[in-house]
């Protein structure tokens, strides 16, 4: 047939280099053999197609993106195509990221087709089938694999559906006495818990502080929402004047939850937002080691601020 069953394919590229092979859905075995030759393998498409048919696996070939090296034999290539062993890439979405950071990560992802470049967030959400829904916080932070040539919108759809699933699972466990009235409320509070947490074990206590404040009508007064409301105007230094500048996200000037999430919360923050610790704490301050000190009263809180933030201790 022109080559041995177990012999490597002859190619014009050096050993160790890779030939990218794209097999479209519905491509015939003959078309696959031609695509392999077109991709750079020095092999007869006719003989390769004939061998595919004689092997009995010609109809098992699956669409996708594959990588072929000069060292591979026709048998190895066919087995790879029949098993659908695509060349995959991955992108990781980090808990606490904003939608802007999500898009930046997709833009840097290897071999991912950017179909949403230049589109507004509203247009992207409409394309995803969620018109008039804010993009922030709606995507689940995780590692997503994709084949070479996949689109960014395909990854977005998976992350969107993943957040839908996790949010529904957690919301199903809610109690009737909760201050949160909807899954959207849960998502918003979980995003705040995510941004405020330095140590994972503190999440339920941080959630308790915000639940307690909501229950008594006290403003949340949380810096991450203020920072989010400042947008690009935030230079890394939160000033007193920023805390007094009213925006829809300034929880020092406005009561209740902000209008949307401020980041992508992970599963632990979703659970903590729904299941706060049993605590009457109303305040917390970062201790400088990643953990927080929780206080029941303003006087105790002020003492903690002096100790951990100002280095003043009695």
C-alpha atoms as a PDB file:
ATOM      1  CA  UNK A   1       0.000   0.000   0.000  1.00  0.00           C
ATOM      2  CA  UNK A   2       2.994   2.296  -0.011  1.00  0.00           C
ATOM      3  CA  UNK A   3       3.657   2.227   3.747  1.00  0.00           C
ATOM      4  CA  UNK A   4       3.772  -0.302   6.530  1.00  0.00           C
ATOM      5  CA  UNK A   5       0.990  -0.467   9.085  1.00  0.00           C
ATOM      6  CA  UNK A   6       3.269   0.458  11.986  1.00  0.00           C
ATOM      7  CA  UNK A   7       5.674   2.711  10.113  1.00  0.00           C
ATOM      8  CA  UNK A   8       5.731   6.441  10.916  1.00  0.00           C
ATOM      9  CA  UNK A   9       4.162   8.775   8.403  1.00  0.00           C
ATOM     10  CA  UNK A  10       6.692  10.640   6.330  1.00  0.00           C
ATOM     11  CA  UNK A  11       6.424  14.398   6.775  1.00  0.00           C
ATOM     12  CA  UNK A  12       8.183  17.515   5.619  1.00  0.00           C
ATOM     13  CA  UNK A  13       8.550  18.769   9.191  1.00  0.00           C
ATOM     14  CA  UNK A  14      11.301  17.960  11.647  1.00  0.00           C
ATOM     15  CA  UNK A  15      10.967  15.299  14.316  1.00  0.00           C
ATOM     16  CA  UNK A  16       9.128  16.620  17.368  1.00  0.00           C
ATOM     17  CA  UNK A  17       7.195  19.235  15.418  1.00  0.00           C
ATOM     18  CA  UNK A  18       3.430  19.059  15.239  1.00  0.00           C
ATOM     19  CA  UNK A  19       0.934  19.076  12.391  1.00  0.00           C
ATOM     20  CA  UNK A  20      -2.473  20.535  13.279  1.00  0.00           C
ATOM     21  CA  UNK A  21      -5.340  18.485  11.885  1.00  0.00           C
ATOM     22  CA  UNK A  22      -8.914  19.738  11.926  1.00  0.00           C
ATOM     23  CA  UNK A  23     -11.675  17.233  11.168  1.00  0.00           C
ATOM     24  CA  UNK A  24     -15.045  18.873  10.572  1.00  0.00           C
ATOM     25  CA  UNK A  25     -18.308  17.190  11.511  1.00  0.00           C
ATOM     26  CA  UNK A  26     -19.579  15.022   8.657  1.00  0.00           C
ATOM     27  CA  UNK A  27     -16.202  14.695   6.911  1.00  0.00           C
ATOM     28  CA  UNK A  28     -15.900  11.371   5.037  1.00  0.00           C
ATOM     29  CA  UNK A  29     -12.950   9.012   5.671  1.00  0.00           C
ATOM     30  CA  UNK A  30     -11.662  10.009   2.254  1.00  0.00           C
ATOM     31  CA  UNK A  31     -11.925  13.657   3.257  1.00  0.00           C
ATOM     32  CA  UNK A  32     -10.067  12.945   6.489  1.00  0.00           C
ATOM     33  CA  UNK A  33      -7.241  11.267   4.583  1.00  0.00           C
ATOM     34  CA  UNK A  34      -7.059  14.277   2.274  1.00  0.00           C
ATOM     35  CA  UNK A  35      -7.062  16.641   5.284  1.00  0.00           C
ATOM     36  CA  UNK A  36      -4.108  14.736   6.777  1.00  0.00           C
ATOM     37  CA  UNK A  37      -2.176  15.161   3.528  1.00  0.00           C
ATOM     38  CA  UNK A  38      -3.208  18.825   3.264  1.00  0.00           C
ATOM     39  CA  UNK A  39      -2.038  19.412   6.845  1.00  0.00           C
ATOM     40  CA  UNK A  40       1.498  18.501   5.807  1.00  0.00           C
ATOM     41  CA  UNK A  41       1.861  14.715   6.088  1.00  0.00           C
ATOM     42  CA  UNK A  42       3.723  13.218   3.127  1.00  0.00           C
ATOM     43  CA  UNK A  43       1.281  10.393   2.500  1.00  0.00           C
ATOM     44  CA  UNK A  44      -1.000   9.322  -0.345  1.00  0.00           C
ATOM     45  CA  UNK A  45      -4.592  10.342   0.522  1.00  0.00           C
ATOM     46  CA  UNK A  46      -5.898   7.507  -1.675  1.00  0.00           C
ATOM     47  CA  UNK A  47      -3.836   4.800   0.036  1.00  0.00           C
ATOM     48  CA  UNK A  48      -4.564   6.227   3.484  1.00  0.00           C
ATOM     49  CA  UNK A  49      -8.292   6.307   2.771  1.00  0.00           C
ATOM     50  CA  UNK A  50      -8.131   2.716   1.527  1.00  0.00           C
ATOM     51  CA  UNK A  51      -6.349   1.617   4.684  1.00  0.00           C
ATOM     52  CA  UNK A  52      -8.926   3.431   6.822  1.00  0.00           C
ATOM     53  CA  UNK A  53     -11.661   1.419   5.090  1.00  0.00           C
ATOM     54  CA  UNK A  54      -9.842  -1.920   5.360  1.00  0.00           C
ATOM     55  CA  UNK A  55      -9.175  -1.357   9.064  1.00  0.00           C
ATOM     56  CA  UNK A  56     -12.905  -1.315   9.805  1.00  0.00           C
ATOM     57  CA  UNK A  57     -12.674   1.900  11.833  1.00  0.00           C
ATOM     58  CA  UNK A  58     -13.303   4.377   9.045  1.00  0.00           C
ATOM     59  CA  UNK A  59     -16.821   5.175  10.290  1.00  0.00           C
ATOM     60  CA  UNK A  60     -15.624   5.658  13.874  1.00  0.00           C
ATOM     61  CA  UNK A  61     -13.563   8.764  13.070  1.00  0.00           C
ATOM     62  CA  UNK A  62     -14.717  11.709  15.205  1.00  0.00           C
ATOM     63  CA  UNK A  63     -14.694  15.396  14.391  1.00  0.00           C
ATOM     64  CA  UNK A  64     -12.323  17.628  16.306  1.00  0.00           C
ATOM     65  CA  UNK A  65      -8.875  19.180  16.484  1.00  0.00           C
ATOM     66  CA  UNK A  66      -5.897  16.835  16.585  1.00  0.00           C
ATOM     67  CA  UNK A  67      -2.124  17.042  16.637  1.00  0.00           C
ATOM     68  CA  UNK A  68      -0.044  14.656  14.505  1.00  0.00           C
ATOM     69  CA  UNK A  69       3.698  14.215  14.837  1.00  0.00           C
ATOM     70  CA  UNK A  70       6.068  12.670  12.265  1.00  0.00           C
ATOM     71  CA  UNK A  71       6.696   9.724  14.594  1.00  0.00           C
ATOM     72  CA  UNK A  72       3.065   8.574  14.491  1.00  0.00           C
ATOM     73  CA  UNK A  73       2.072   5.572  12.379  1.00  0.00           C
ATOM     74  CA  UNK A  74      -1.171   5.481  10.352  1.00  0.00           C
ATOM     75  CA  UNK A  75      -2.513   3.004  12.901  1.00  0.00           C
ATOM     76  CA  UNK A  76      -1.769   5.403  15.778  1.00  0.00           C
ATOM     77  CA  UNK A  77      -3.399   8.285  13.936  1.00  0.00           C
ATOM     78  CA  UNK A  78      -6.518   6.262  13.127  1.00  0.00           C
ATOM     79  CA  UNK A  79      -6.854   5.054  16.720  1.00  0.00           C
ATOM     80  CA  UNK A  80      -6.552   8.638  17.914  1.00  0.00           C
ATOM     81  CA  UNK A  81      -9.234   9.799  15.485  1.00  0.00           C
ATOM     82  CA  UNK A  82     -11.543   6.903  16.345  1.00  0.00           C
ATOM     83  CA  UNK A  83     -11.240   7.560  20.077  1.00  0.00           C
ATOM     84  CA  UNK A  84     -11.652  11.309  19.645  1.00  0.00           C
ATOM     85  CA  UNK A  85      -8.370  12.077  21.428  1.00  0.00           C
ATOM     86  CA  UNK A  86      -8.325  15.745  20.552  1.00  0.00           C
ATOM     87  CA  UNK A  87      -5.550  18.184  21.289  1.00  0.00           C
ATOM     88  CA  UNK A  88      -6.966  20.227  24.143  1.00  0.00           C
ATOM     89  CA  UNK A  89      -6.087  23.560  25.681  1.00  0.00           C
ATOM     90  CA  UNK A  90      -7.391  25.005  28.931  1.00  0.00           C
ATOM     91  CA  UNK A  91      -8.208  28.318  30.550  1.00  0.00           C
ATOM     92  CA  UNK A  92      -8.623  28.845  34.281  1.00  0.00           C
ATOM     93  CA  UNK A  93     -11.110  31.354  35.707  1.00  0.00           C
ATOM     94  CA  UNK A  94     -10.109  32.428  39.209  1.00  0.00           C
ATOM     95  CA  UNK A  95     -12.546  32.935  42.081  1.00  0.00           C
ATOM     96  CA  UNK A  96     -13.014  36.631  42.693  1.00  0.00           C
ATOM     97  CA  UNK A  97     -12.283  37.688  39.124  1.00  0.00           C
ATOM     98  CA  UNK A  98     -14.493  40.238  37.403  1.00  0.00           C
ATOM     99  CA  UNK A  99     -16.033  39.703  33.981  1.00  0.00           C
ATOM    100  CA  UNK A 100     -13.397  42.065  32.595  1.00  0.00           C
ATOM    101  CA  UNK A 101     -10.648  39.780  33.921  1.00  0.00           C
ATOM    102  CA  UNK A 102     -12.518  36.758  32.540  1.00  0.00           C
ATOM    103  CA  UNK A 103     -12.508  38.279  29.056  1.00  0.00           C
ATOM    104  CA  UNK A 104      -8.817  39.161  29.358  1.00  0.00           C
ATOM    105  CA  UNK A 105      -8.011  35.540  30.242  1.00  0.00           C
ATOM    106  CA  UNK A 106      -9.950  34.291  27.218  1.00  0.00           C
ATOM    107  CA  UNK A 107      -8.148  36.769  24.981  1.00  0.00           C
ATOM    108  CA  UNK A 108      -4.799  35.341  26.130  1.00  0.00           C
ATOM    109  CA  UNK A 109      -5.842  31.684  25.900  1.00  0.00           C
ATOM    110  CA  UNK A 110      -3.866  29.605  23.410  1.00  0.00           C
ATOM    111  CA  UNK A 111      -5.698  28.644  20.200  1.00  0.00           C
ATOM    112  CA  UNK A 112      -9.057  30.107  21.301  1.00  0.00           C
ATOM    113  CA  UNK A 113     -11.018  31.946  18.613  1.00  0.00           C
ATOM    114  CA  UNK A 114     -12.140  35.398  19.774  1.00  0.00           C
ATOM    115  CA  UNK A 115     -15.658  35.945  18.456  1.00  0.00           C
ATOM    116  CA  UNK A 116     -16.727  38.519  21.059  1.00  0.00           C
ATOM    117  CA  UNK A 117     -13.853  40.960  20.588  1.00  0.00           C
ATOM    118  CA  UNK A 118     -15.194  44.511  20.512  1.00  0.00           C
ATOM    119  CA  UNK A 119     -18.645  43.480  21.711  1.00  0.00           C
ATOM    120  CA  UNK A 120     -20.265  45.144  24.708  1.00  0.00           C
ATOM    121  CA  UNK A 121     -21.096  43.081  27.780  1.00  0.00           C
ATOM    122  CA  UNK A 122     -24.787  43.545  26.968  1.00  0.00           C
ATOM    123  CA  UNK A 123     -24.278  42.210  23.448  1.00  0.00           C
ATOM    124  CA  UNK A 124     -22.350  39.219  24.787  1.00  0.00           C
ATOM    125  CA  UNK A 125     -25.119  38.364  27.249  1.00  0.00           C
ATOM    126  CA  UNK A 126     -27.706  38.676  24.479  1.00  0.00           C
ATOM    127  CA  UNK A 127     -25.622  36.303  22.345  1.00  0.00           C
ATOM    128  CA  UNK A 128     -25.595  33.890  25.284  1.00  0.00           C
ATOM    129  CA  UNK A 129     -29.379  34.017  25.460  1.00  0.00           C
ATOM    130  CA  UNK A 130     -29.520  36.245  28.552  1.00  0.00           C
ATOM    131  CA  UNK A 131     -30.594  39.659  27.259  1.00  0.00           C
ATOM    132  CA  UNK A 132     -30.922  42.388  29.907  1.00  0.00           C
ATOM    133  CA  UNK A 133     -28.922  40.326  32.423  1.00  0.00           C
ATOM    134  CA  UNK A 134     -25.715  41.831  33.823  1.00  0.00           C
ATOM    135  CA  UNK A 135     -22.633  39.747  32.999  1.00  0.00           C
ATOM    136  CA  UNK A 136     -20.856  40.298  36.304  1.00  0.00           C
ATOM    137  CA  UNK A 137     -20.735  37.238  38.540  1.00  0.00           C
ATOM    138  CA  UNK A 138     -22.700  35.014  36.169  1.00  0.00           C
ATOM    139  CA  UNK A 139     -19.812  32.714  35.233  1.00  0.00           C
ATOM    140  CA  UNK A 140     -18.463  29.919  37.405  1.00  0.00           C
ATOM    141  CA  UNK A 141     -14.733  30.043  38.189  1.00  0.00           C
ATOM    142  CA  UNK A 142     -13.113  26.756  37.168  1.00  0.00           C
ATOM    143  CA  UNK A 143     -10.677  25.290  34.636  1.00  0.00           C
ATOM    144  CA  UNK A 144     -12.269  24.732  31.225  1.00  0.00           C
ATOM    145  CA  UNK A 145     -10.692  22.644  28.479  1.00  0.00           C
ATOM    146  CA  UNK A 146     -11.350  23.300  24.804  1.00  0.00           C
ATOM    147  CA  UNK A 147     -10.142  22.020  21.471  1.00  0.00           C
ATOM    148  CA  UNK A 148      -7.958  24.197  19.268  1.00  0.00           C
ATOM    149  CA  UNK A 149     -10.073  26.604  17.273  1.00  0.00           C
ATOM    150  CA  UNK A 150     -12.972  26.637  19.719  1.00  0.00           C
ATOM    151  CA  UNK A 151     -14.603  30.015  20.312  1.00  0.00           C
ATOM    152  CA  UNK A 152     -14.569  32.163  23.432  1.00  0.00           C
ATOM    153  CA  UNK A 153     -18.377  32.220  23.400  1.00  0.00           C
ATOM    154  CA  UNK A 154     -18.381  28.406  23.704  1.00  0.00           C
ATOM    155  CA  UNK A 155     -16.285  28.628  26.888  1.00  0.00           C
ATOM    156  CA  UNK A 156     -18.542  31.398  28.182  1.00  0.00           C
ATOM    157  CA  UNK A 157     -21.627  29.236  27.634  1.00  0.00           C
ATOM    158  CA  UNK A 158     -20.108  26.413  29.675  1.00  0.00           C
ATOM    159  CA  UNK A 159     -19.096  28.755  32.502  1.00  0.00           C
ATOM    160  CA  UNK A 160     -22.542  30.371  32.473  1.00  0.00           C
ATOM    161  CA  UNK A 161     -24.327  27.019  32.670  1.00  0.00           C
ATOM    162  CA  UNK A 162     -21.959  25.857  35.406  1.00  0.00           C
ATOM    163  CA  UNK A 163     -22.834  28.891  37.552  1.00  0.00           C
ATOM    164  CA  UNK A 164     -26.541  28.302  36.888  1.00  0.00           C
ATOM    165  CA  UNK A 165     -26.156  24.727  38.101  1.00  0.00           C
ATOM    166  CA  UNK A 166     -24.134  25.510  41.227  1.00  0.00           C
ATOM    167  CA  UNK A 167     -26.342  28.457  42.159  1.00  0.00           C
ATOM    168  CA  UNK A 168     -29.497  26.332  41.822  1.00  0.00           C
ATOM    169  CA  UNK A 169     -27.973  23.526  43.913  1.00  0.00           C
ATOM    170  CA  UNK A 170     -27.049  25.883  46.749  1.00  0.00           C
ATOM    171  CA  UNK A 171     -30.281  27.925  46.611  1.00  0.00           C
ATOM    172  CA  UNK A 172     -32.307  24.721  46.939  1.00  0.00           C
ATOM    173  CA  UNK A 173     -30.954  24.410  50.510  1.00  0.00           C
ATOM    174  CA  UNK A 174     -32.198  27.850  51.681  1.00  0.00           C
ATOM    175  CA  UNK A 175     -34.227  28.321  54.846  1.00  0.00           C
ATOM    176  CA  UNK A 176     -37.425  30.352  55.051  1.00  0.00           C
ATOM    177  CA  UNK A 177     -35.932  32.773  57.616  1.00  0.00           C
ATOM    178  CA  UNK A 178     -33.180  34.039  55.333  1.00  0.00           C
ATOM    179  CA  UNK A 179     -32.675  37.721  54.560  1.00  0.00           C
ATOM    180  CA  UNK A 180     -31.867  36.726  50.965  1.00  0.00           C
ATOM    181  CA  UNK A 181     -34.988  36.656  48.826  1.00  0.00           C
ATOM    182  CA  UNK A 182     -33.756  35.306  45.500  1.00  0.00           C
ATOM    183  CA  UNK A 183     -30.887  33.417  43.837  1.00  0.00           C
ATOM    184  CA  UNK A 184     -29.675  36.787  42.553  1.00  0.00           C
ATOM    185  CA  UNK A 185     -29.410  38.044  46.150  1.00  0.00           C
ATOM    186  CA  UNK A 186     -27.382  34.945  46.988  1.00  0.00           C
ATOM    187  CA  UNK A 187     -25.063  35.499  44.034  1.00  0.00           C
ATOM    188  CA  UNK A 188     -24.518  39.139  44.984  1.00  0.00           C
ATOM    189  CA  UNK A 189     -23.745  38.381  48.632  1.00  0.00           C
ATOM    190  CA  UNK A 190     -21.514  35.438  47.663  1.00  0.00           C
ATOM    191  CA  UNK A 191     -19.469  37.757  45.434  1.00  0.00           C
ATOM    192  CA  UNK A 192     -18.925  40.115  48.374  1.00  0.00           C
ATOM    193  CA  UNK A 193     -17.940  37.239  50.654  1.00  0.00           C
ATOM    194  CA  UNK A 194     -15.503  36.088  47.954  1.00  0.00           C
ATOM    195  CA  UNK A 195     -13.807  39.482  47.757  1.00  0.00           C
ATOM    196  CA  UNK A 196     -13.704  39.983  51.535  1.00  0.00           C
ATOM    197  CA  UNK A 197     -12.266  36.580  52.421  1.00  0.00           C
ATOM    198  CA  UNK A 198      -8.549  36.226  53.047  1.00  0.00           C
ATOM    199  CA  UNK A 199      -8.715  32.873  54.817  1.00  0.00           C
ATOM    200  CA  UNK A 200     -11.154  30.199  53.664  1.00  0.00           C
ATOM    201  CA  UNK A 201     -12.266  29.299  57.178  1.00  0.00           C
ATOM    202  CA  UNK A 202     -13.507  32.878  57.731  1.00  0.00           C
ATOM    203  CA  UNK A 203     -16.121  32.749  54.967  1.00  0.00           C
ATOM    204  CA  UNK A 204     -19.089  31.657  57.151  1.00  0.00           C
ATOM    205  CA  UNK A 205     -18.283  34.335  59.774  1.00  0.00           C
ATOM    206  CA  UNK A 206     -17.936  37.058  57.151  1.00  0.00           C
ATOM    207  CA  UNK A 207     -21.276  35.942  55.739  1.00  0.00           C
ATOM    208  CA  UNK A 208     -22.760  36.092  59.265  1.00  0.00           C
ATOM    209  CA  UNK A 209     -21.678  39.733  59.645  1.00  0.00           C
ATOM    210  CA  UNK A 210     -23.452  40.721  56.444  1.00  0.00           C
ATOM    211  CA  UNK A 211     -26.564  38.681  57.255  1.00  0.00           C
ATOM    212  CA  UNK A 212     -26.726  40.304  60.693  1.00  0.00           C
ATOM    213  CA  UNK A 213     -26.418  43.752  59.173  1.00  0.00           C
ATOM    214  CA  UNK A 214     -29.112  43.050  56.598  1.00  0.00           C
ATOM    215  CA  UNK A 215     -31.432  41.723  59.299  1.00  0.00           C
ATOM    216  CA  UNK A 216     -31.215  44.896  61.385  1.00  0.00           C
ATOM    217  CA  UNK A 217     -31.186  47.325  58.449  1.00  0.00           C
ATOM    218  CA  UNK A 218     -27.546  48.283  58.926  1.00  0.00           C
ATOM    219  CA  UNK A 219     -25.556  49.244  55.849  1.00  0.00           C
ATOM    220  CA  UNK A 220     -23.076  46.618  54.664  1.00  0.00           C
ATOM    221  CA  UNK A 221     -20.198  49.115  54.516  1.00  0.00           C
ATOM    222  CA  UNK A 222     -17.897  46.819  52.570  1.00  0.00           C
ATOM    223  CA  UNK A 223     -14.894  48.252  50.716  1.00  0.00           C
ATOM    224  CA  UNK A 224     -14.893  45.854  47.724  1.00  0.00           C
ATOM    225  CA  UNK A 225     -18.285  47.156  46.566  1.00  0.00           C
ATOM    226  CA  UNK A 226     -17.024  50.738  46.736  1.00  0.00           C
ATOM    227  CA  UNK A 227     -13.925  49.779  44.748  1.00  0.00           C
ATOM    228  CA  UNK A 228     -16.072  48.021  42.154  1.00  0.00           C
ATOM    229  CA  UNK A 229     -18.264  51.119  41.818  1.00  0.00           C
ATOM    230  CA  UNK A 230     -15.215  53.303  41.203  1.00  0.00           C
ATOM    231  CA  UNK A 231     -14.266  51.155  38.199  1.00  0.00           C
ATOM    232  CA  UNK A 232     -11.190  52.344  36.313  1.00  0.00           C
ATOM    233  CA  UNK A 233     -11.019  55.421  38.556  1.00  0.00           C
ATOM    234  CA  UNK A 234      -9.717  53.255  41.414  1.00  0.00           C
ATOM    235  CA  UNK A 235      -5.932  53.653  41.609  1.00  0.00           C
ATOM    236  CA  UNK A 236      -5.282  51.040  44.285  1.00  0.00           C
ATOM    237  CA  UNK A 237      -5.720  53.445  47.212  1.00  0.00           C
ATOM    238  CA  UNK A 238      -9.185  53.662  48.768  1.00  0.00           C
ATOM    239  CA  UNK A 239      -9.674  57.105  50.303  1.00  0.00           C
ATOM    240  CA  UNK A 240     -12.214  58.489  52.766  1.00  0.00           C
ATOM    241  CA  UNK A 241     -13.625  60.643  50.000  1.00  0.00           C
ATOM    242  CA  UNK A 242     -14.292  57.449  47.988  1.00  0.00           C
ATOM    243  CA  UNK A 243     -16.357  56.069  50.848  1.00  0.00           C
ATOM    244  CA  UNK A 244     -18.479  59.239  50.772  1.00  0.00           C
ATOM    245  CA  UNK A 245     -18.862  59.341  46.981  1.00  0.00           C
ATOM    246  CA  UNK A 246     -22.237  57.844  46.140  1.00  0.00           C
ATOM    247  CA  UNK A 247     -22.514  55.188  43.430  1.00  0.00           C
ATOM    248  CA  UNK A 248     -25.006  52.318  43.089  1.00  0.00           C
ATOM    249  CA  UNK A 249     -22.287  50.083  44.591  1.00  0.00           C
ATOM    250  CA  UNK A 250     -21.328  52.268  47.560  1.00  0.00           C
ATOM    251  CA  UNK A 251     -22.602  50.267  50.530  1.00  0.00           C
ATOM    252  CA  UNK A 252     -21.492  53.065  52.873  1.00  0.00           C
ATOM    253  CA  UNK A 253     -24.013  55.476  51.334  1.00  0.00           C
ATOM    254  CA  UNK A 254     -26.722  52.986  50.312  1.00  0.00           C
ATOM    255  CA  UNK A 255     -28.605  50.329  52.238  1.00  0.00           C
ATOM    256  CA  UNK A 256     -29.032  46.704  51.246  1.00  0.00           C
ATOM    257  CA  UNK A 257     -27.202  44.728  48.603  1.00  0.00           C
ATOM    258  CA  UNK A 258     -25.598  46.359  45.548  1.00  0.00           C
ATOM    259  CA  UNK A 259     -27.496  45.971  42.254  1.00  0.00           C
ATOM    260  CA  UNK A 260     -25.301  43.188  40.832  1.00  0.00           C
ATOM    261  CA  UNK A 261     -22.515  40.832  41.895  1.00  0.00           C
ATOM    262  CA  UNK A 262     -19.064  42.407  41.970  1.00  0.00           C
ATOM    263  CA  UNK A 263     -17.064  39.291  40.998  1.00  0.00           C
ATOM    264  CA  UNK A 264     -17.298  35.566  40.249  1.00  0.00           C
ATOM    265  CA  UNK A 265     -17.866  33.648  43.500  1.00  0.00           C
ATOM    266  CA  UNK A 266     -16.773  30.046  43.896  1.00  0.00           C
ATOM    267  CA  UNK A 267     -18.793  27.197  45.405  1.00  0.00           C
ATOM    268  CA  UNK A 268     -17.434  27.798  48.934  1.00  0.00           C
ATOM    269  CA  UNK A 269     -18.568  31.437  48.895  1.00  0.00           C
ATOM    270  CA  UNK A 270     -21.987  30.479  47.534  1.00  0.00           C
ATOM    271  CA  UNK A 271     -22.427  27.998  50.383  1.00  0.00           C
ATOM    272  CA  UNK A 272     -21.147  30.453  52.986  1.00  0.00           C
ATOM    273  CA  UNK A 273     -23.526  33.164  51.742  1.00  0.00           C
ATOM    274  CA  UNK A 274     -26.442  30.779  52.212  1.00  0.00           C
ATOM    275  CA  UNK A 275     -25.196  29.167  55.434  1.00  0.00           C
ATOM    276  CA  UNK A 276     -23.652  31.878  57.643  1.00  0.00           C
ATOM    277  CA  UNK A 277     -21.997  30.911  60.916  1.00  0.00           C
ATOM    278  CA  UNK A 278     -24.051  31.202  64.085  1.00  0.00           C
ATOM    279  CA  UNK A 279     -22.626  34.491  65.317  1.00  0.00           C
ATOM    280  CA  UNK A 280     -23.879  37.901  66.423  1.00  0.00           C
ATOM    281  CA  UNK A 281     -20.803  39.671  65.057  1.00  0.00           C
ATOM    282  CA  UNK A 282     -21.438  42.930  63.229  1.00  0.00           C
ATOM    283  CA  UNK A 283     -17.873  43.924  62.402  1.00  0.00           C
ATOM    284  CA  UNK A 284     -14.619  42.433  61.175  1.00  0.00           C
ATOM    285  CA  UNK A 285     -11.165  43.719  60.355  1.00  0.00           C
ATOM    286  CA  UNK A 286      -8.204  42.112  58.585  1.00  0.00           C
ATOM    287  CA  UNK A 287      -5.483  40.998  60.998  1.00  0.00           C
ATOM    288  CA  UNK A 288      -2.692  41.118  58.430  1.00  0.00           C
ATOM    289  CA  UNK A 289      -2.134  37.365  58.215  1.00  0.00           C
ATOM    290  CA  UNK A 290      -5.061  36.634  55.900  1.00  0.00           C
ATOM    291  CA  UNK A 291      -7.533  36.093  58.732  1.00  0.00           C
ATOM    292  CA  UNK A 292     -10.004  38.540  60.280  1.00  0.00           C
ATOM    293  CA  UNK A 293     -10.980  39.607  63.784  1.00  0.00           C
ATOM    294  CA  UNK A 294     -14.736  39.619  64.398  1.00  0.00           C
ATOM    295  CA  UNK A 295     -16.446  41.943  66.878  1.00  0.00           C
ATOM    296  CA  UNK A 296     -19.926  42.229  68.412  1.00  0.00           C
ATOM    297  CA  UNK A 297     -19.754  45.954  69.133  1.00  0.00           C
ATOM    298  CA  UNK A 298     -18.366  49.096  67.528  1.00  0.00           C
ATOM    299  CA  UNK A 299     -16.155  49.761  70.545  1.00  0.00           C
ATOM    300  CA  UNK A 300     -14.566  46.302  70.276  1.00  0.00           C
ATOM    301  CA  UNK A 301     -14.189  46.779  66.528  1.00  0.00           C
ATOM    302  CA  UNK A 302     -12.407  50.115  66.972  1.00  0.00           C
ATOM    303  CA  UNK A 303      -9.984  48.507  69.390  1.00  0.00           C
ATOM    304  CA  UNK A 304      -9.312  45.750  66.835  1.00  0.00           C
ATOM    305  CA  UNK A 305      -8.736  48.337  64.100  1.00  0.00           C
ATOM    306  CA  UNK A 306      -6.219  50.127  66.318  1.00  0.00           C
ATOM    307  CA  UNK A 307      -4.435  46.874  67.053  1.00  0.00           C
ATOM    308  CA  UNK A 308      -4.342  45.258  63.635  1.00  0.00           C
ATOM    309  CA  UNK A 309      -4.452  48.236  61.255  1.00  0.00           C
ATOM    310  CA  UNK A 310      -2.737  51.032  63.192  1.00  0.00           C
ATOM    311  CA  UNK A 311      -0.408  49.038  65.432  1.00  0.00           C
ATOM    312  CA  UNK A 312      -1.886  50.588  68.566  1.00  0.00           C
ATOM    313  CA  UNK A 313      -2.575  48.209  71.436  1.00  0.00           C
ATOM    314  CA  UNK A 314      -3.533  48.794  75.025  1.00  0.00           C
END
